[in-house]
Amino acid sequence: MWTEKDNKLTAEFQFDDFLSAFAFMTKVAMIAEKMDHHPNWSNVYNKVVIELSTHDAGGIVTDRDHQLAKEIDKLLK
């Protein structure tokens, strides 16, 4: 699901509708805030694209990104 390319860990998520996508984003936002590690992301209707990199480390993928990705994946189980 997650792909590492161009110093970003990226995944695309598709939902049944906008409300489901937005609910997912809200849950991700709460996790990201708790971890103090915030994603770059976009949402168009039922699709959410998330890009993770660690700005404090020069914009590369670090363990923090992989940990946040794991927490995001748990939301889908």
PDB file of N, CA and C in Angstrom:
ATOM      1  N   MET A   1       0.819  -1.189   0.000  1.00  0.00           N
ATOM      2  CA  MET A   1       0.000   0.000   0.000  1.00  0.00           C
ATOM      3  C   MET A   1       0.868   1.260   0.000  1.00  0.00           C
ATOM      4  N   TRP A   2       1.884   1.332   0.845  1.00  0.00           N
ATOM      5  CA  TRP A   2       2.775   2.481   0.916  1.00  0.00           C
ATOM      6  C   TRP A   2       3.940   2.279  -0.049  1.00  0.00           C
ATOM      7  N   THR A   3       4.328   3.354  -0.729  1.00  0.00           N
ATOM      8  CA  THR A   3       5.446   3.329  -1.661  1.00  0.00           C
ATOM      9  C   THR A   3       6.446   4.407  -1.257  1.00  0.00           C
ATOM     10  N   GLU A   4       7.712   4.042  -1.222  1.00  0.00           N
ATOM     11  CA  GLU A   4       8.744   5.022  -0.921  1.00  0.00           C
ATOM     12  C   GLU A   4       9.408   5.446  -2.225  1.00  0.00           C
ATOM     13  N   LYS A   5       9.292   6.744  -2.530  1.00  0.00           N
ATOM     14  CA  LYS A   5       9.855   7.279  -3.767  1.00  0.00           C
ATOM     15  C   LYS A   5      10.085   8.772  -3.585  1.00  0.00           C
ATOM     16  N   ASP A   6      11.180   9.276  -4.118  1.00  0.00           N
ATOM     17  CA  ASP A   6      11.495  10.705  -4.074  1.00  0.00           C
ATOM     18  C   ASP A   6      11.460  11.258  -2.650  1.00  0.00           C
ATOM     19  N   ASN A   7      12.031  10.513  -1.711  1.00  0.00           N
ATOM     20  CA  ASN A   7      12.088  10.923  -0.308  1.00  0.00           C
ATOM     21  C   ASN A   7      10.718  11.140   0.320  1.00  0.00           C
ATOM     22  N   LYS A   8       9.729  10.359  -0.120  1.00  0.00           N
ATOM     23  CA  LYS A   8       8.385  10.421   0.444  1.00  0.00           C
ATOM     24  C   LYS A   8       7.833   9.013   0.561  1.00  0.00           C
ATOM     25  N   LEU A   9       7.099   8.776   1.613  1.00  0.00           N
ATOM     26  CA  LEU A   9       6.343   7.546   1.792  1.00  0.00           C
ATOM     27  C   LEU A   9       4.912   7.910   1.427  1.00  0.00           C
ATOM     28  N   THR A  10       4.380   7.300   0.372  1.00  0.00           N
ATOM     29  CA  THR A  10       3.109   7.728  -0.206  1.00  0.00           C
ATOM     30  C   THR A  10       2.106   6.581  -0.280  1.00  0.00           C
ATOM     31  N   ALA A  11       0.836   6.928  -0.019  1.00  0.00           N
ATOM     32  CA  ALA A  11      -0.246   5.954  -0.190  1.00  0.00           C
ATOM     33  C   ALA A  11      -1.497   6.690  -0.641  1.00  0.00           C
ATOM     34  N   GLU A  12      -2.324   5.965  -1.384  1.00  0.00           N
ATOM     35  CA  GLU A  12      -3.604   6.496  -1.844  1.00  0.00           C
ATOM     36  C   GLU A  12      -4.708   5.617  -1.277  1.00  0.00           C
ATOM     37  N   PHE A  13      -5.726   6.258  -0.732  1.00  0.00           N
ATOM     38  CA  PHE A  13      -6.834   5.542  -0.113  1.00  0.00           C
ATOM     39  C   PHE A  13      -8.129   5.958  -0.793  1.00  0.00           C
ATOM     40  N   GLN A  14      -8.984   4.987  -1.073  1.00  0.00           N
ATOM     41  CA  GLN A  14     -10.259   5.277  -1.715  1.00  0.00           C
ATOM     42  C   GLN A  14     -11.389   4.778  -0.827  1.00  0.00           C
ATOM     43  N   PHE A  15     -12.431   5.593  -0.708  1.00  0.00           N
ATOM     44  CA  PHE A  15     -13.561   5.298   0.163  1.00  0.00           C
ATOM     45  C   PHE A  15     -14.857   5.330  -0.636  1.00  0.00           C
ATOM     46  N   ASP A  16     -15.940   4.968   0.012  1.00  0.00           N
ATOM     47  CA  ASP A  16     -17.233   4.925  -0.673  1.00  0.00           C
ATOM     48  C   ASP A  16     -17.741   6.308  -1.058  1.00  0.00           C
ATOM     49  N   ASP A  17     -17.418   7.316  -0.231  1.00  0.00           N
ATOM     50  CA  ASP A  17     -17.936   8.657  -0.471  1.00  0.00           C
ATOM     51  C   ASP A  17     -17.074   9.688   0.258  1.00  0.00           C
ATOM     52  N   PHE A  18     -17.432  10.944   0.090  1.00  0.00           N
ATOM     53  CA  PHE A  18     -16.674  12.034   0.690  1.00  0.00           C
ATOM     54  C   PHE A  18     -16.690  11.968   2.211  1.00  0.00           C
ATOM     55  N   LEU A  19     -17.842  11.682   2.798  1.00  0.00           N
ATOM     56  CA  LEU A  19     -17.927  11.649   4.257  1.00  0.00           C
ATOM     57  C   LEU A  19     -17.009  10.583   4.849  1.00  0.00           C
ATOM     58  N   SER A  20     -16.926   9.444   4.215  1.00  0.00           N
ATOM     59  CA  SER A  20     -16.032   8.377   4.696  1.00  0.00           C
ATOM     60  C   SER A  20     -14.576   8.803   4.577  1.00  0.00           C
ATOM     61  N   ALA A  21     -14.243   9.452   3.495  1.00  0.00           N
ATOM     62  CA  ALA A  21     -12.868   9.938   3.305  1.00  0.00           C
ATOM     63  C   ALA A  21     -12.533  10.993   4.349  1.00  0.00           C
ATOM     64  N   PHE A  22     -13.464  11.890   4.596  1.00  0.00           N
ATOM     65  CA  PHE A  22     -13.226  12.957   5.561  1.00  0.00           C
ATOM     66  C   PHE A  22     -13.139  12.400   6.987  1.00  0.00           C
ATOM     67  N   ALA A  23     -13.935  11.410   7.310  1.00  0.00           N
ATOM     68  CA  ALA A  23     -13.867  10.768   8.630  1.00  0.00           C
ATOM     69  C   ALA A  23     -12.492  10.124   8.827  1.00  0.00           C
ATOM     70  N   PHE A  24     -11.985   9.465   7.787  1.00  0.00           N
ATOM     71  CA  PHE A  24     -10.650   8.872   7.834  1.00  0.00           C
ATOM     72  C   PHE A  24      -9.601   9.957   8.084  1.00  0.00           C
ATOM     73  N   MET A  25      -9.704  11.068   7.368  1.00  0.00           N
ATOM     74  CA  MET A  25      -8.743  12.152   7.541  1.00  0.00           C
ATOM     75  C   MET A  25      -8.781  12.711   8.961  1.00  0.00           C
ATOM     76  N   THR A  26      -9.963  12.785   9.538  1.00  0.00           N
ATOM     77  CA  THR A  26     -10.097  13.269  10.909  1.00  0.00           C
ATOM     78  C   THR A  26      -9.378  12.340  11.879  1.00  0.00           C
ATOM     79  N   LYS A  27      -9.527  11.041  11.686  1.00  0.00           N
ATOM     80  CA  LYS A  27      -8.842  10.068  12.546  1.00  0.00           C
ATOM     81  C   LYS A  27      -7.330  10.162  12.376  1.00  0.00           C
ATOM     82  N   VAL A  28      -6.881  10.305  11.131  1.00  0.00           N
ATOM     83  CA  VAL A  28      -5.441  10.452  10.869  1.00  0.00           C
ATOM     84  C   VAL A  28      -4.931  11.734  11.538  1.00  0.00           C
ATOM     85  N   ALA A  29      -5.696  12.800  11.456  1.00  0.00           N
ATOM     86  CA  ALA A  29      -5.282  14.070  12.056  1.00  0.00           C
ATOM     87  C   ALA A  29      -5.074  13.932  13.558  1.00  0.00           C
ATOM     88  N   MET A  30      -5.943  13.203  14.220  1.00  0.00           N
ATOM     89  CA  MET A  30      -5.805  13.016  15.671  1.00  0.00           C
ATOM     90  C   MET A  30      -4.554  12.211  16.011  1.00  0.00           C
ATOM     91  N   ILE A  31      -4.270  11.179  15.227  1.00  0.00           N
ATOM     92  CA  ILE A  31      -3.052  10.380  15.446  1.00  0.00           C
ATOM     93  C   ILE A  31      -1.815  11.227  15.171  1.00  0.00           C
ATOM     94  N   ALA A  32      -1.820  11.952  14.066  1.00  0.00           N
ATOM     95  CA  ALA A  32      -0.673  12.776  13.684  1.00  0.00           C
ATOM     96  C   ALA A  32      -0.394  13.839  14.743  1.00  0.00           C
ATOM     97  N   GLU A  33      -1.437  14.442  15.276  1.00  0.00           N
ATOM     98  CA  GLU A  33      -1.253  15.462  16.300  1.00  0.00           C
ATOM     99  C   GLU A  33      -0.653  14.850  17.565  1.00  0.00           C
ATOM    100  N   LYS A  34      -1.135  13.682  17.935  1.00  0.00           N
ATOM    101  CA  LYS A  34      -0.611  12.992  19.120  1.00  0.00           C
ATOM    102  C   LYS A  34       0.863  12.631  18.936  1.00  0.00           C
ATOM    103  N   MET A  35       1.232  12.245  17.717  1.00  0.00           N
ATOM    104  CA  MET A  35       2.619  11.880  17.416  1.00  0.00           C
ATOM    105  C   MET A  35       3.479  13.101  17.094  1.00  0.00           C
ATOM    106  N   ASP A  36       2.859  14.272  16.963  1.00  0.00           N
ATOM    107  CA  ASP A  36       3.532  15.503  16.549  1.00  0.00           C
ATOM    108  C   ASP A  36       4.300  15.279  15.245  1.00  0.00           C
ATOM    109  N   HIS A  37       3.604  14.637  14.313  1.00  0.00           N
ATOM    110  CA  HIS A  37       4.197  14.325  13.006  1.00  0.00           C
ATOM    111  C   HIS A  37       3.080  14.397  11.968  1.00  0.00           C
ATOM    112  N   HIS A  38       3.066  15.446  11.180  1.00  0.00           N
ATOM    113  CA  HIS A  38       1.913  15.766  10.348  1.00  0.00           C
ATOM    114  C   HIS A  38       2.166  15.467   8.871  1.00  0.00           C
ATOM    115  N   PRO A  39       1.178  14.870   8.211  1.00  0.00           N
ATOM    116  CA  PRO A  39       1.344  14.489   6.807  1.00  0.00           C
ATOM    117  C   PRO A  39       1.099  15.654   5.846  1.00  0.00           C
ATOM    118  N   ASN A  40       1.621  15.500   4.651  1.00  0.00           N
ATOM    119  CA  ASN A  40       1.155  16.284   3.504  1.00  0.00           C
ATOM    120  C   ASN A  40       0.087  15.413   2.868  1.00  0.00           C
ATOM    121  N   TRP A  41      -1.051  15.991   2.566  1.00  0.00           N
ATOM    122  CA  TRP A  41      -2.114  15.166   2.004  1.00  0.00           C
ATOM    123  C   TRP A  41      -3.069  15.976   1.152  1.00  0.00           C
ATOM    124  N   SER A  42      -3.863  15.251   0.379  1.00  0.00           N
ATOM    125  CA  SER A  42      -4.897  15.887  -0.420  1.00  0.00           C
ATOM    126  C   SER A  42      -6.130  14.986  -0.424  1.00  0.00           C
ATOM    127  N   ASN A  43      -7.265  15.622  -0.687  1.00  0.00           N
ATOM    128  CA  ASN A  43      -8.533  14.904  -0.726  1.00  0.00           C
ATOM    129  C   ASN A  43      -9.359  15.444  -1.879  1.00  0.00           C
ATOM    130  N   VAL A  44      -9.802  14.538  -2.741  1.00  0.00           N
ATOM    131  CA  VAL A  44     -10.751  14.872  -3.788  1.00  0.00           C
ATOM    132  C   VAL A  44     -11.869  13.837  -3.705  1.00  0.00           C
ATOM    133  N   TYR A  45     -13.036  14.304  -3.331  1.00  0.00           N
ATOM    134  CA  TYR A  45     -14.232  13.485  -3.127  1.00  0.00           C
ATOM    135  C   TYR A  45     -13.939  12.284  -2.239  1.00  0.00           C
ATOM    136  N   ASN A  46     -13.775  11.101  -2.810  1.00  0.00           N
ATOM    137  CA  ASN A  46     -13.616   9.890  -1.988  1.00  0.00           C
ATOM    138  C   ASN A  46     -12.181   9.381  -1.956  1.00  0.00           C
ATOM    139  N   LYS A  47     -11.242  10.175  -2.457  1.00  0.00           N
ATOM    140  CA  LYS A  47      -9.842   9.751  -2.526  1.00  0.00           C
ATOM    141  C   LYS A  47      -8.975  10.633  -1.621  1.00  0.00           C
ATOM    142  N   VAL A  48      -8.105   9.972  -0.846  1.00  0.00           N
ATOM    143  CA  VAL A  48      -7.156  10.667   0.018  1.00  0.00           C
ATOM    144  C   VAL A  48      -5.758  10.188  -0.355  1.00  0.00           C
ATOM    145  N   VAL A  49      -4.857  11.120  -0.631  1.00  0.00           N
ATOM    146  CA  VAL A  49      -3.463  10.813  -0.918  1.00  0.00           C
ATOM    147  C   VAL A  49      -2.634  11.383   0.232  1.00  0.00           C
ATOM    148  N   ILE A  50      -1.799  10.529   0.822  1.00  0.00           N
ATOM    149  CA  ILE A  50      -0.957  10.948   1.942  1.00  0.00           C
ATOM    150  C   ILE A  50       0.505  10.773   1.560  1.00  0.00           C
ATOM    151  N   GLU A  51       1.296  11.812   1.846  1.00  0.00           N
ATOM    152  CA  GLU A  51       2.745  11.766   1.667  1.00  0.00           C
ATOM    153  C   GLU A  51       3.397  12.045   3.011  1.00  0.00           C
ATOM    154  N   LEU A  52       4.317  11.178   3.400  1.00  0.00           N
ATOM    155  CA  LEU A  52       5.009  11.326   4.670  1.00  0.00           C
ATOM    156  C   LEU A  52       6.501  11.516   4.425  1.00  0.00           C
ATOM    157  N   SER A  53       7.068  12.484   5.103  1.00  0.00           N
ATOM    158  CA  SER A  53       8.517  12.673   5.172  1.00  0.00           C
ATOM    159  C   SER A  53       8.783  13.474   6.441  1.00  0.00           C
ATOM    160  N   THR A  54      10.005  13.416   6.917  1.00  0.00           N
ATOM    161  CA  THR A  54      10.344  14.099   8.160  1.00  0.00           C
ATOM    162  C   THR A  54      11.068  15.394   7.830  1.00  0.00           C
ATOM    163  N   HIS A  55      10.375  16.499   7.997  1.00  0.00           N
ATOM    164  CA  HIS A  55      10.922  17.813   7.644  1.00  0.00           C
ATOM    165  C   HIS A  55      12.157  18.143   8.482  1.00  0.00           C
ATOM    166  N   ASP A  56      12.137  17.767   9.764  1.00  0.00           N
ATOM    167  CA  ASP A  56      13.266  18.057  10.657  1.00  0.00           C
ATOM    168  C   ASP A  56      14.533  17.310  10.255  1.00  0.00           C
ATOM    169  N   ALA A  57      14.382  16.247   9.473  1.00  0.00           N
ATOM    170  CA  ALA A  57      15.537  15.451   9.028  1.00  0.00           C
ATOM    171  C   ALA A  57      15.938  15.805   7.598  1.00  0.00           C
ATOM    172  N   GLY A  58      15.438  16.922   7.106  1.00  0.00           N
ATOM    173  CA  GLY A  58      15.794  17.351   5.758  1.00  0.00           C
ATOM    174  C   GLY A  58      14.846  16.854   4.688  1.00  0.00           C
ATOM    175  N   GLY A  59      13.639  16.453   5.097  1.00  0.00           N
ATOM    176  CA  GLY A  59      12.643  16.026   4.115  1.00  0.00           C
ATOM    177  C   GLY A  59      12.866  14.633   3.570  1.00  0.00           C
ATOM    178  N   ILE A  60      13.405  13.749   4.408  1.00  0.00           N
ATOM    179  CA  ILE A  60      13.595  12.359   3.999  1.00  0.00           C
ATOM    180  C   ILE A  60      12.648  11.453   4.787  1.00  0.00           C
ATOM    181  N   VAL A  61      12.544  10.211   4.376  1.00  0.00           N
ATOM    182  CA  VAL A  61      11.714   9.237   5.075  1.00  0.00           C
ATOM    183  C   VAL A  61      12.514   8.658   6.243  1.00  0.00           C
ATOM    184  N   THR A  62      11.909   8.712   7.433  1.00  0.00           N
ATOM    185  CA  THR A  62      12.555   8.198   8.639  1.00  0.00           C
ATOM    186  C   THR A  62      11.628   7.199   9.333  1.00  0.00           C
ATOM    187  N   ASP A  63      12.099   6.681  10.452  1.00  0.00           N
ATOM    188  CA  ASP A  63      11.282   5.759  11.246  1.00  0.00           C
ATOM    189  C   ASP A  63       9.972   6.402  11.691  1.00  0.00           C
ATOM    190  N   ARG A  64       9.986   7.702  11.925  1.00  0.00           N
ATOM    191  CA  ARG A  64       8.749   8.402  12.314  1.00  0.00           C
ATOM    192  C   ARG A  64       7.683   8.260  11.236  1.00  0.00           C
ATOM    193  N   ASP A  65       8.091   8.326   9.990  1.00  0.00           N
ATOM    194  CA  ASP A  65       7.142   8.189   8.881  1.00  0.00           C
ATOM    195  C   ASP A  65       6.590   6.773   8.812  1.00  0.00           C
ATOM    196  N   HIS A  66       7.458   5.806   8.971  1.00  0.00           N
ATOM    197  CA  HIS A  66       7.009   4.412   8.940  1.00  0.00           C
ATOM    198  C   HIS A  66       6.071   4.110  10.110  1.00  0.00           C
ATOM    199  N   GLN A  67       6.341   4.696  11.270  1.00  0.00           N
ATOM    200  CA  GLN A  67       5.478   4.480  12.425  1.00  0.00           C
ATOM    201  C   GLN A  67       4.104   5.108  12.192  1.00  0.00           C
ATOM    202  N   LEU A  68       4.072   6.316  11.663  1.00  0.00           N
ATOM    203  CA  LEU A  68       2.790   6.955  11.362  1.00  0.00           C
ATOM    204  C   LEU A  68       2.036   6.154  10.306  1.00  0.00           C
ATOM    205  N   ALA A  69       2.720   5.656   9.299  1.00  0.00           N
ATOM    206  CA  ALA A  69       2.078   4.832   8.269  1.00  0.00           C
ATOM    207  C   ALA A  69       1.442   3.587   8.892  1.00  0.00           C
ATOM    208  N   LYS A  70       2.129   2.959   9.836  1.00  0.00           N
ATOM    209  CA  LYS A  70       1.571   1.780  10.514  1.00  0.00           C
ATOM    210  C   LYS A  70       0.313   2.139  11.291  1.00  0.00           C
ATOM    211  N   GLU A  71       0.334   3.282  11.962  1.00  0.00           N
ATOM    212  CA  GLU A  71      -0.844   3.714  12.718  1.00  0.00           C
ATOM    213  C   GLU A  71      -2.010   4.028  11.775  1.00  0.00           C
ATOM    214  N   ILE A  72      -1.722   4.622  10.646  1.00  0.00           N
ATOM    215  CA  ILE A  72      -2.766   4.907   9.657  1.00  0.00           C
ATOM    216  C   ILE A  72      -3.351   3.597   9.137  1.00  0.00           C
ATOM    217  N   ASP A  73      -2.497   2.622   8.847  1.00  0.00           N
ATOM    218  CA  ASP A  73      -2.986   1.331   8.352  1.00  0.00           C
ATOM    219  C   ASP A  73      -3.916   0.653   9.345  1.00  0.00           C
ATOM    220  N   LYS A  74      -3.666   0.829  10.639  1.00  0.00           N
ATOM    221  CA  LYS A  74      -4.520   0.223  11.668  1.00  0.00           C
ATOM    222  C   LYS A  74      -5.951   0.746  11.588  1.00  0.00           C
ATOM    223  N   LEU A  75      -6.126   1.963  11.088  1.00  0.00           N
ATOM    224  CA  LEU A  75      -7.466   2.537  10.958  1.00  0.00           C
ATOM    225  C   LEU A  75      -8.311   1.785   9.929  1.00  0.00           C
ATOM    226  N   LEU A  76      -7.667   1.089   9.028  1.00  0.00           N
ATOM    227  CA  LEU A  76      -8.373   0.433   7.930  1.00  0.00           C
ATOM    228  C   LEU A  76      -8.710  -1.018   8.222  1.00  0.00           C
ATOM    229  N   LYS A  77      -8.331  -1.502   9.395  1.00  0.00           N
ATOM    230  CA  LYS A  77      -8.588  -2.911   9.734  1.00  0.00           C
ATOM    231  C   LYS A  77      -9.890  -3.077  10.462  1.00  0.00           C
TER     232      LYS A  77
END
